[in-house]
């Protein structure tokens, strides 16, 4: 997998987690631990995206 393809894959995952997070936050019976875990996964992916972008340039 090329760096660009990997980057695009990570960006799609990040977007999917963003949608999941919005869905979790909109739920009246949301689980705060689940929200926190989703935020952690999203942040890890964001960090990986930034790392890849900086290594390409």
C-alpha atoms as a PDB file:
ATOM      1  CA  UNK A   1       0.000   0.000   0.000  1.00  0.00           C
ATOM      2  CA  UNK A   2       1.387   3.386  -0.928  1.00  0.00           C
ATOM      3  CA  UNK A   3       1.669   6.146   1.640  1.00  0.00           C
ATOM      4  CA  UNK A   4      -1.042   8.099  -0.173  1.00  0.00           C
ATOM      5  CA  UNK A   5      -3.413   5.107  -0.179  1.00  0.00           C
ATOM      6  CA  UNK A   6      -2.737   4.510   3.510  1.00  0.00           C
ATOM      7  CA  UNK A   7      -3.381   8.184   4.221  1.00  0.00           C
ATOM      8  CA  UNK A   8      -6.697   8.064   2.349  1.00  0.00           C
ATOM      9  CA  UNK A   9      -7.697   4.931   4.250  1.00  0.00           C
ATOM     10  CA  UNK A  10      -6.930   6.610   7.575  1.00  0.00           C
ATOM     11  CA  UNK A  11      -8.893   9.704   6.564  1.00  0.00           C
ATOM     12  CA  UNK A  12     -11.919   7.524   5.757  1.00  0.00           C
ATOM     13  CA  UNK A  13     -11.635   5.782   9.137  1.00  0.00           C
ATOM     14  CA  UNK A  14     -11.332   9.168  10.855  1.00  0.00           C
ATOM     15  CA  UNK A  15     -14.508  10.350   9.092  1.00  0.00           C
ATOM     16  CA  UNK A  16     -16.351   7.189  10.074  1.00  0.00           C
ATOM     17  CA  UNK A  17     -15.316   7.659  13.704  1.00  0.00           C
ATOM     18  CA  UNK A  18     -16.486  11.281  13.532  1.00  0.00           C
ATOM     19  CA  UNK A  19     -19.925  10.054  12.418  1.00  0.00           C
ATOM     20  CA  UNK A  20     -19.932   7.391  15.130  1.00  0.00           C
ATOM     21  CA  UNK A  21     -19.030   9.980  17.744  1.00  0.00           C
ATOM     22  CA  UNK A  22     -21.853  12.283  16.633  1.00  0.00           C
ATOM     23  CA  UNK A  23     -24.247   9.355  16.815  1.00  0.00           C
ATOM     24  CA  UNK A  24     -23.049   8.407  20.292  1.00  0.00           C
ATOM     25  CA  UNK A  25     -23.308  11.997  21.520  1.00  0.00           C
ATOM     26  CA  UNK A  26     -26.869  12.303  20.174  1.00  0.00           C
ATOM     27  CA  UNK A  27     -28.012   9.190  22.010  1.00  0.00           C
ATOM     28  CA  UNK A  28     -29.892   9.991  25.220  1.00  0.00           C
ATOM     29  CA  UNK A  29     -28.548   6.817  26.851  1.00  0.00           C
ATOM     30  CA  UNK A  30     -24.941   7.269  25.776  1.00  0.00           C
ATOM     31  CA  UNK A  31     -22.154   5.462  27.551  1.00  0.00           C
ATOM     32  CA  UNK A  32     -19.416   7.927  28.529  1.00  0.00           C
ATOM     33  CA  UNK A  33     -16.772   5.194  28.388  1.00  0.00           C
ATOM     34  CA  UNK A  34     -17.784   4.342  24.831  1.00  0.00           C
ATOM     35  CA  UNK A  35     -17.632   8.032  23.866  1.00  0.00           C
ATOM     36  CA  UNK A  36     -14.179   8.356  25.431  1.00  0.00           C
ATOM     37  CA  UNK A  37     -12.919   5.255  23.615  1.00  0.00           C
ATOM     38  CA  UNK A  38     -14.236   6.563  20.300  1.00  0.00           C
ATOM     39  CA  UNK A  39     -12.473   9.882  20.911  1.00  0.00           C
ATOM     40  CA  UNK A  40      -9.212   8.049  21.724  1.00  0.00           C
ATOM     41  CA  UNK A  41      -9.401   5.978  18.525  1.00  0.00           C
ATOM     42  CA  UNK A  42     -10.149   9.105  16.501  1.00  0.00           C
ATOM     43  CA  UNK A  43      -7.197  10.931  18.061  1.00  0.00           C
ATOM     44  CA  UNK A  44      -4.820   8.015  17.393  1.00  0.00           C
ATOM     45  CA  UNK A  45      -5.848   8.023  13.738  1.00  0.00           C
ATOM     46  CA  UNK A  46      -5.474  11.800  13.534  1.00  0.00           C
ATOM     47  CA  UNK A  47      -1.964  11.535  15.002  1.00  0.00           C
ATOM     48  CA  UNK A  48      -1.072   8.835  12.464  1.00  0.00           C
ATOM     49  CA  UNK A  49      -2.419  11.012   9.624  1.00  0.00           C
ATOM     50  CA  UNK A  50      -0.300  13.950  10.782  1.00  0.00           C
ATOM     51  CA  UNK A  51       2.771  11.731  11.132  1.00  0.00           C
ATOM     52  CA  UNK A  52       2.328  10.390   7.607  1.00  0.00           C
ATOM     53  CA  UNK A  53       1.765  13.857   6.162  1.00  0.00           C
ATOM     54  CA  UNK A  54       4.934  15.161   7.784  1.00  0.00           C
ATOM     55  CA  UNK A  55       6.985  12.213   6.521  1.00  0.00           C
ATOM     56  CA  UNK A  56       5.796  12.783   2.931  1.00  0.00           C
ATOM     57  CA  UNK A  57       6.811  16.442   2.876  1.00  0.00           C
END
